[in-house]
Amino acid sequence: MIETSHKQIIWDSIVCLIVDDDKFSRTFVKTALYQIGIKNTKEAGNTEEAAELLHNFKIDVILLDQQMPNQSGLEFARELKSGKIDGAKNIPIIMITVDTKEKTVLDAKGLGIQEYLVKPISPLALKKRICTAFGLKQERI
């Protein structure tokens, strides 16, 4: 469970799952997370690996790519939000993708995906989206 102190995120307590079929993108996101103080990450190259990690670890936030082979990020998010994967229904999801189509963004919001970031991302933008996903105001950097 993510801990908060006086409505501030304790960054090093967050466990983040990065789901992206592109290893370079996962490494880039992991580096951005490290720069904002999130050092506990899990990585999945596809949604099957992500589901397994969700069964085995307590995850606080999911960073999810949209365009992946076999199953899209939106399809996986639909499974998560429907409760198909035990304990994952209420985990905040931040979509990180190159897909800028309005329909995709609206579909993501309709599924309950809290935030949407377009690649390439910056650590500051990621930090802001994580704060928003947890319902907190942006902390001072």
N, C-alpha and C. Protein backbone atom coordinates (compact mmCIF):
# COMPACT_ATOMS: atom_id res chain seq x y z
N MET A 1 0.85 -1.19 0.00
CA MET A 1 0.00 0.00 0.00
C MET A 1 0.88 1.24 0.00
N ILE A 2 0.55 2.20 -0.80
CA ILE A 2 1.30 3.45 -0.81
C ILE A 2 1.04 4.19 0.48
N GLU A 3 2.10 4.72 1.03
CA GLU A 3 1.97 5.49 2.27
C GLU A 3 2.01 6.97 1.93
N THR A 4 1.22 7.74 2.66
CA THR A 4 1.29 9.18 2.50
C THR A 4 1.49 9.80 3.87
N SER A 5 2.18 10.90 3.87
CA SER A 5 2.44 11.62 5.11
C SER A 5 2.05 13.07 4.87
N HIS A 6 1.04 13.54 5.58
CA HIS A 6 0.55 14.90 5.39
C HIS A 6 0.21 15.14 3.92
N LYS A 7 -0.44 14.15 3.31
CA LYS A 7 -0.88 14.23 1.92
C LYS A 7 0.28 14.39 0.94
N GLN A 8 1.43 13.87 1.30
CA GLN A 8 2.57 13.85 0.39
C GLN A 8 2.95 12.41 0.12
N ILE A 9 3.36 12.13 -1.09
CA ILE A 9 3.76 10.78 -1.45
C ILE A 9 5.14 10.49 -0.88
N ILE A 10 5.28 9.32 -0.29
CA ILE A 10 6.60 8.84 0.11
C ILE A 10 7.11 8.03 -1.08
N TRP A 11 7.88 8.68 -1.92
CA TRP A 11 8.24 8.15 -3.23
C TRP A 11 8.93 6.80 -3.16
N ASP A 12 9.82 6.61 -2.18
CA ASP A 12 10.56 5.34 -2.16
C ASP A 12 9.73 4.17 -1.63
N SER A 13 8.47 4.42 -1.26
CA SER A 13 7.60 3.33 -0.82
C SER A 13 6.74 2.79 -1.97
N ILE A 14 6.76 3.46 -3.11
CA ILE A 14 5.90 3.08 -4.24
C ILE A 14 6.51 1.90 -4.99
N VAL A 15 5.65 0.93 -5.33
CA VAL A 15 6.04 -0.17 -6.21
C VAL A 15 5.30 0.04 -7.53
N CYS A 16 6.07 0.20 -8.60
CA CYS A 16 5.52 0.55 -9.90
C CYS A 16 5.73 -0.59 -10.90
N LEU A 17 4.68 -0.94 -11.62
CA LEU A 17 4.76 -1.94 -12.68
C LEU A 17 4.78 -1.22 -14.03
N ILE A 18 5.84 -1.46 -14.80
CA ILE A 18 5.99 -0.89 -16.14
C ILE A 18 5.64 -1.99 -17.14
N VAL A 19 4.63 -1.74 -17.98
CA VAL A 19 4.20 -2.74 -18.97
C VAL A 19 4.38 -2.14 -20.36
N ASP A 20 5.38 -2.65 -21.08
CA ASP A 20 5.68 -2.14 -22.42
C ASP A 20 6.45 -3.23 -23.16
N ASP A 21 6.09 -3.49 -24.41
CA ASP A 21 6.78 -4.52 -25.17
C ASP A 21 8.17 -4.08 -25.62
N ASP A 22 8.46 -2.79 -25.57
CA ASP A 22 9.76 -2.27 -26.01
C ASP A 22 10.70 -2.10 -24.81
N LYS A 23 11.78 -2.87 -24.79
CA LYS A 23 12.71 -2.83 -23.66
C LYS A 23 13.31 -1.44 -23.47
N PHE A 24 13.65 -0.76 -24.57
CA PHE A 24 14.21 0.59 -24.45
C PHE A 24 13.22 1.52 -23.75
N SER A 25 11.95 1.43 -24.11
CA SER A 25 10.93 2.28 -23.46
C SER A 25 10.83 1.96 -21.98
N ARG A 26 10.86 0.67 -21.63
CA ARG A 26 10.81 0.30 -20.21
C ARG A 26 12.00 0.87 -19.46
N THR A 27 13.19 0.78 -20.06
CA THR A 27 14.39 1.32 -19.42
C THR A 27 14.29 2.83 -19.27
N PHE A 28 13.78 3.51 -20.28
CA PHE A 28 13.62 4.96 -20.23
C PHE A 28 12.67 5.36 -19.10
N VAL A 29 11.54 4.66 -19.00
CA VAL A 29 10.56 4.96 -17.95
C VAL A 29 11.15 4.65 -16.58
N LYS A 30 11.86 3.54 -16.47
CA LYS A 30 12.49 3.16 -15.20
C LYS A 30 13.48 4.23 -14.75
N THR A 31 14.25 4.77 -15.69
CA THR A 31 15.20 5.84 -15.37
C THR A 31 14.46 7.09 -14.89
N ALA A 32 13.37 7.44 -15.55
CA ALA A 32 12.57 8.61 -15.13
C ALA A 32 12.01 8.39 -13.73
N LEU A 33 11.53 7.18 -13.45
CA LEU A 33 11.02 6.86 -12.11
C LEU A 33 12.12 7.00 -11.06
N TYR A 34 13.29 6.49 -11.38
CA TYR A 34 14.42 6.57 -10.46
C TYR A 34 14.75 8.03 -10.15
N GLN A 35 14.67 8.89 -11.16
CA GLN A 35 14.98 10.31 -10.99
C GLN A 35 13.99 11.01 -10.07
N ILE A 36 12.77 10.50 -9.97
CA ILE A 36 11.79 11.13 -9.08
C ILE A 36 11.69 10.40 -7.74
N GLY A 37 12.53 9.39 -7.55
CA GLY A 37 12.60 8.73 -6.25
C GLY A 37 11.93 7.38 -6.15
N ILE A 38 11.37 6.88 -7.25
CA ILE A 38 10.75 5.55 -7.24
C ILE A 38 11.79 4.55 -7.72
N LYS A 39 12.24 3.73 -6.79
CA LYS A 39 13.31 2.79 -7.10
C LYS A 39 12.84 1.34 -7.15
N ASN A 40 11.62 1.09 -6.67
CA ASN A 40 11.09 -0.27 -6.66
C ASN A 40 10.15 -0.45 -7.85
N THR A 41 10.68 -1.06 -8.90
CA THR A 41 9.90 -1.25 -10.12
C THR A 41 9.89 -2.72 -10.52
N LYS A 42 8.86 -3.09 -11.21
CA LYS A 42 8.73 -4.40 -11.84
C LYS A 42 8.48 -4.13 -13.32
N GLU A 43 9.01 -4.99 -14.19
CA GLU A 43 8.86 -4.79 -15.62
C GLU A 43 8.21 -5.99 -16.28
N ALA A 44 7.33 -5.70 -17.23
CA ALA A 44 6.69 -6.75 -18.02
C ALA A 44 6.75 -6.36 -19.49
N GLY A 45 7.13 -7.31 -20.33
CA GLY A 45 7.21 -7.07 -21.77
C GLY A 45 5.90 -7.32 -22.49
N ASN A 46 4.91 -7.85 -21.76
CA ASN A 46 3.59 -8.08 -22.34
C ASN A 46 2.57 -8.20 -21.20
N THR A 47 1.31 -8.28 -21.57
CA THR A 47 0.26 -8.28 -20.55
C THR A 47 0.21 -9.59 -19.77
N GLU A 48 0.64 -10.69 -20.37
CA GLU A 48 0.68 -11.96 -19.65
C GLU A 48 1.68 -11.88 -18.50
N GLU A 49 2.87 -11.34 -18.79
CA GLU A 49 3.88 -11.15 -17.74
C GLU A 49 3.36 -10.19 -16.67
N ALA A 50 2.67 -9.15 -17.10
CA ALA A 50 2.12 -8.17 -16.16
C ALA A 50 1.12 -8.83 -15.22
N ALA A 51 0.24 -9.67 -15.76
CA ALA A 51 -0.75 -10.36 -14.93
C ALA A 51 -0.07 -11.24 -13.90
N GLU A 52 0.98 -11.91 -14.30
CA GLU A 52 1.73 -12.76 -13.36
C GLU A 52 2.36 -11.93 -12.24
N LEU A 53 2.96 -10.80 -12.61
CA LEU A 53 3.56 -9.92 -11.60
C LEU A 53 2.49 -9.37 -10.65
N LEU A 54 1.33 -9.06 -11.18
CA LEU A 54 0.23 -8.56 -10.33
C LEU A 54 -0.24 -9.62 -9.34
N HIS A 55 -0.15 -10.88 -9.73
CA HIS A 55 -0.51 -11.97 -8.81
C HIS A 55 0.53 -12.16 -7.72
N ASN A 56 1.80 -11.86 -8.05
CA ASN A 56 2.90 -12.17 -7.14
C ASN A 56 3.41 -11.01 -6.29
N PHE A 57 3.07 -9.78 -6.66
CA PHE A 57 3.60 -8.61 -5.95
C PHE A 57 2.49 -7.61 -5.67
N LYS A 58 2.69 -6.83 -4.63
CA LYS A 58 1.79 -5.71 -4.32
C LYS A 58 2.25 -4.53 -5.16
N ILE A 59 1.44 -4.11 -6.10
CA ILE A 59 1.76 -3.02 -7.02
C ILE A 59 0.92 -1.81 -6.65
N ASP A 60 1.56 -0.63 -6.62
CA ASP A 60 0.85 0.60 -6.26
C ASP A 60 0.36 1.38 -7.47
N VAL A 61 1.07 1.29 -8.59
CA VAL A 61 0.69 2.04 -9.79
C VAL A 61 1.20 1.26 -11.01
N ILE A 62 0.41 1.31 -12.09
CA ILE A 62 0.77 0.63 -13.33
C ILE A 62 1.00 1.68 -14.41
N LEU A 63 2.15 1.60 -15.07
CA LEU A 63 2.45 2.44 -16.23
C LEU A 63 2.32 1.53 -17.45
N LEU A 64 1.35 1.81 -18.29
CA LEU A 64 0.91 0.86 -19.31
C LEU A 64 1.01 1.45 -20.71
N ASP A 65 1.70 0.73 -21.60
CA ASP A 65 1.75 1.11 -23.00
C ASP A 65 0.45 0.67 -23.67
N GLN A 66 0.03 1.38 -24.70
CA GLN A 66 -1.20 1.04 -25.41
C GLN A 66 -0.94 0.03 -26.51
N GLN A 67 0.07 0.28 -27.34
CA GLN A 67 0.28 -0.52 -28.54
C GLN A 67 1.26 -1.65 -28.25
N MET A 68 0.70 -2.84 -28.01
CA MET A 68 1.51 -4.02 -27.76
C MET A 68 0.93 -5.19 -28.55
N PRO A 69 1.79 -6.17 -28.92
CA PRO A 69 1.26 -7.33 -29.63
C PRO A 69 0.40 -8.20 -28.70
N ASN A 70 -0.46 -8.97 -29.28
CA ASN A 70 -1.34 -9.92 -28.58
C ASN A 70 -2.49 -9.26 -27.84
N GLN A 71 -2.22 -8.23 -27.05
CA GLN A 71 -3.29 -7.56 -26.31
C GLN A 71 -2.90 -6.09 -26.11
N SER A 72 -3.81 -5.19 -26.44
CA SER A 72 -3.51 -3.76 -26.29
C SER A 72 -3.57 -3.36 -24.82
N GLY A 73 -3.00 -2.22 -24.53
CA GLY A 73 -3.07 -1.68 -23.18
C GLY A 73 -4.50 -1.43 -22.74
N LEU A 74 -5.34 -0.96 -23.67
CA LEU A 74 -6.75 -0.72 -23.33
C LEU A 74 -7.47 -2.03 -22.99
N GLU A 75 -7.20 -3.08 -23.75
CA GLU A 75 -7.82 -4.38 -23.45
C GLU A 75 -7.39 -4.89 -22.08
N PHE A 76 -6.10 -4.73 -21.77
CA PHE A 76 -5.59 -5.17 -20.47
C PHE A 76 -6.19 -4.33 -19.35
N ALA A 77 -6.27 -3.02 -19.56
CA ALA A 77 -6.87 -2.14 -18.55
C ALA A 77 -8.32 -2.53 -18.30
N ARG A 78 -9.04 -2.90 -19.35
CA ARG A 78 -10.44 -3.34 -19.20
C ARG A 78 -10.50 -4.57 -18.29
N GLU A 79 -9.58 -5.51 -18.48
CA GLU A 79 -9.52 -6.70 -17.61
C GLU A 79 -9.24 -6.30 -16.16
N LEU A 80 -8.28 -5.40 -16.00
CA LEU A 80 -7.92 -4.98 -14.64
C LEU A 80 -9.09 -4.31 -13.95
N LYS A 81 -9.72 -3.36 -14.62
CA LYS A 81 -10.80 -2.59 -14.01
C LYS A 81 -12.07 -3.42 -13.79
N SER A 82 -12.21 -4.52 -14.53
CA SER A 82 -13.38 -5.39 -14.35
C SER A 82 -13.19 -6.36 -13.18
N GLY A 83 -11.98 -6.40 -12.62
CA GLY A 83 -11.73 -7.30 -11.50
C GLY A 83 -11.29 -8.69 -11.91
N LYS A 84 -10.99 -8.88 -13.20
CA LYS A 84 -10.57 -10.20 -13.69
C LYS A 84 -9.28 -10.67 -13.02
N ILE A 85 -8.43 -9.74 -12.65
CA ILE A 85 -7.19 -10.07 -11.94
C ILE A 85 -7.36 -9.63 -10.50
N ASP A 86 -7.36 -10.59 -9.59
CA ASP A 86 -7.60 -10.31 -8.17
C ASP A 86 -6.69 -9.20 -7.64
N GLY A 87 -7.30 -8.25 -6.95
CA GLY A 87 -6.56 -7.19 -6.27
C GLY A 87 -6.08 -6.06 -7.15
N ALA A 88 -6.37 -6.12 -8.46
CA ALA A 88 -5.84 -5.11 -9.37
C ALA A 88 -6.86 -4.05 -9.78
N LYS A 89 -8.11 -4.24 -9.41
CA LYS A 89 -9.19 -3.37 -9.88
C LYS A 89 -8.97 -1.90 -9.53
N ASN A 90 -8.43 -1.63 -8.36
CA ASN A 90 -8.29 -0.24 -7.90
C ASN A 90 -6.88 0.32 -8.01
N ILE A 91 -5.99 -0.39 -8.67
CA ILE A 91 -4.63 0.13 -8.85
C ILE A 91 -4.69 1.25 -9.90
N PRO A 92 -4.14 2.43 -9.58
CA PRO A 92 -4.11 3.50 -10.59
C PRO A 92 -3.31 3.08 -11.82
N ILE A 93 -3.82 3.46 -12.99
CA ILE A 93 -3.15 3.17 -14.26
C ILE A 93 -2.84 4.48 -14.95
N ILE A 94 -1.60 4.59 -15.41
CA ILE A 94 -1.18 5.73 -16.23
C ILE A 94 -0.77 5.15 -17.58
N MET A 95 -1.47 5.55 -18.63
CA MET A 95 -1.15 5.10 -19.97
C MET A 95 0.02 5.94 -20.48
N ILE A 96 1.08 5.27 -20.93
CA ILE A 96 2.23 5.96 -21.52
C ILE A 96 2.41 5.37 -22.92
N THR A 97 2.16 6.20 -23.94
CA THR A 97 2.09 5.67 -25.30
C THR A 97 2.41 6.74 -26.34
N VAL A 98 2.62 6.30 -27.57
CA VAL A 98 2.78 7.24 -28.68
C VAL A 98 1.43 7.52 -29.34
N ASP A 99 0.40 6.80 -28.94
CA ASP A 99 -0.93 6.91 -29.53
C ASP A 99 -1.62 8.19 -29.05
N THR A 100 -1.81 9.13 -29.97
CA THR A 100 -2.43 10.42 -29.62
C THR A 100 -3.85 10.56 -30.16
N LYS A 101 -4.41 9.47 -30.69
CA LYS A 101 -5.76 9.55 -31.25
C LYS A 101 -6.77 9.89 -30.15
N GLU A 102 -7.67 10.82 -30.48
CA GLU A 102 -8.67 11.25 -29.51
C GLU A 102 -9.52 10.08 -29.00
N LYS A 103 -9.88 9.18 -29.89
CA LYS A 103 -10.68 8.01 -29.50
C LYS A 103 -9.95 7.18 -28.45
N THR A 104 -8.66 6.98 -28.62
CA THR A 104 -7.89 6.18 -27.66
C THR A 104 -7.86 6.86 -26.30
N VAL A 105 -7.64 8.18 -26.31
CA VAL A 105 -7.61 8.93 -25.04
C VAL A 105 -8.97 8.85 -24.35
N LEU A 106 -10.05 9.04 -25.10
CA LEU A 106 -11.40 8.97 -24.53
C LEU A 106 -11.73 7.57 -24.03
N ASP A 107 -11.32 6.56 -24.80
CA ASP A 107 -11.54 5.17 -24.37
C ASP A 107 -10.79 4.89 -23.07
N ALA A 108 -9.57 5.40 -22.97
CA ALA A 108 -8.76 5.21 -21.76
C ALA A 108 -9.46 5.85 -20.55
N LYS A 109 -9.91 7.06 -20.72
CA LYS A 109 -10.62 7.74 -19.62
C LYS A 109 -11.90 7.00 -19.26
N GLY A 110 -12.61 6.51 -20.27
CA GLY A 110 -13.84 5.77 -20.04
C GLY A 110 -13.63 4.47 -19.26
N LEU A 111 -12.45 3.89 -19.40
CA LEU A 111 -12.12 2.66 -18.67
C LEU A 111 -11.67 2.94 -17.24
N GLY A 112 -11.45 4.21 -16.93
CA GLY A 112 -10.98 4.53 -15.58
C GLY A 112 -9.48 4.67 -15.48
N ILE A 113 -8.81 4.77 -16.61
CA ILE A 113 -7.37 5.04 -16.59
C ILE A 113 -7.20 6.47 -16.11
N GLN A 114 -6.42 6.64 -15.04
CA GLN A 114 -6.35 7.94 -14.37
C GLN A 114 -5.62 9.00 -15.17
N GLU A 115 -4.54 8.63 -15.84
CA GLU A 115 -3.73 9.62 -16.54
C GLU A 115 -3.25 9.07 -17.88
N TYR A 116 -2.87 9.98 -18.79
CA TYR A 116 -2.45 9.62 -20.13
C TYR A 116 -1.24 10.48 -20.48
N LEU A 117 -0.12 9.84 -20.78
CA LEU A 117 1.11 10.55 -21.14
C LEU A 117 1.56 10.10 -22.52
N VAL A 118 2.00 11.05 -23.34
CA VAL A 118 2.49 10.74 -24.68
C VAL A 118 4.02 10.67 -24.63
N LYS A 119 4.57 9.60 -25.23
CA LYS A 119 6.02 9.43 -25.31
C LYS A 119 6.58 10.43 -26.29
N PRO A 120 7.79 10.91 -26.08
CA PRO A 120 8.67 10.64 -24.93
C PRO A 120 8.20 11.43 -23.71
N ILE A 121 8.46 10.89 -22.55
CA ILE A 121 8.02 11.53 -21.30
C ILE A 121 9.20 12.17 -20.59
N SER A 122 8.88 13.10 -19.70
CA SER A 122 9.90 13.70 -18.84
C SER A 122 9.64 13.24 -17.41
N PRO A 123 10.67 13.20 -16.58
CA PRO A 123 10.46 12.85 -15.17
C PRO A 123 9.44 13.76 -14.49
N LEU A 124 9.48 15.05 -14.79
CA LEU A 124 8.55 16.00 -14.17
C LEU A 124 7.10 15.69 -14.56
N ALA A 125 6.86 15.43 -15.84
CA ALA A 125 5.50 15.10 -16.30
C ALA A 125 5.03 13.81 -15.64
N LEU A 126 5.91 12.84 -15.53
CA LEU A 126 5.55 11.57 -14.90
C LEU A 126 5.22 11.78 -13.42
N LYS A 127 6.01 12.59 -12.75
CA LYS A 127 5.77 12.86 -11.33
C LYS A 127 4.40 13.53 -11.14
N LYS A 128 4.09 14.49 -12.00
CA LYS A 128 2.79 15.17 -11.91
C LYS A 128 1.64 14.18 -12.11
N ARG A 129 1.77 13.28 -13.09
CA ARG A 129 0.70 12.32 -13.38
C ARG A 129 0.54 11.32 -12.23
N ILE A 130 1.65 10.93 -11.61
CA ILE A 130 1.55 10.00 -10.48
C ILE A 130 0.84 10.68 -9.32
N CYS A 131 1.20 11.92 -9.04
CA CYS A 131 0.51 12.66 -7.97
C CYS A 131 -0.99 12.73 -8.25
N THR A 132 -1.35 13.07 -9.47
CA THR A 132 -2.76 13.18 -9.84
C THR A 132 -3.46 11.82 -9.74
N ALA A 133 -2.78 10.76 -10.17
CA ALA A 133 -3.37 9.42 -10.11
C ALA A 133 -3.68 9.00 -8.68
N PHE A 134 -2.88 9.48 -7.74
CA PHE A 134 -3.11 9.17 -6.33
C PHE A 134 -4.01 10.21 -5.66
N GLY A 135 -4.50 11.18 -6.44
CA GLY A 135 -5.42 12.18 -5.90
C GLY A 135 -4.74 13.22 -5.05
N LEU A 136 -3.45 13.45 -5.29
CA LEU A 136 -2.69 14.42 -4.51
C LEU A 136 -2.23 15.56 -5.38
N LYS A 137 -2.02 16.71 -4.76
CA LYS A 137 -1.50 17.86 -5.48
C LYS A 137 -0.03 17.62 -5.80
N GLN A 138 0.45 18.27 -6.85
CA GLN A 138 1.85 18.18 -7.23
C GLN A 138 2.73 18.68 -6.09
N GLU A 139 3.69 17.87 -5.73
CA GLU A 139 4.63 18.27 -4.70
C GLU A 139 5.67 19.22 -5.29
N ARG A 140 6.28 19.96 -4.42
CA ARG A 140 7.38 20.82 -4.86
C ARG A 140 8.59 19.96 -5.16
N ILE A 141 9.29 20.32 -6.19
CA ILE A 141 10.48 19.55 -6.58
C ILE A 141 11.71 20.19 -5.98
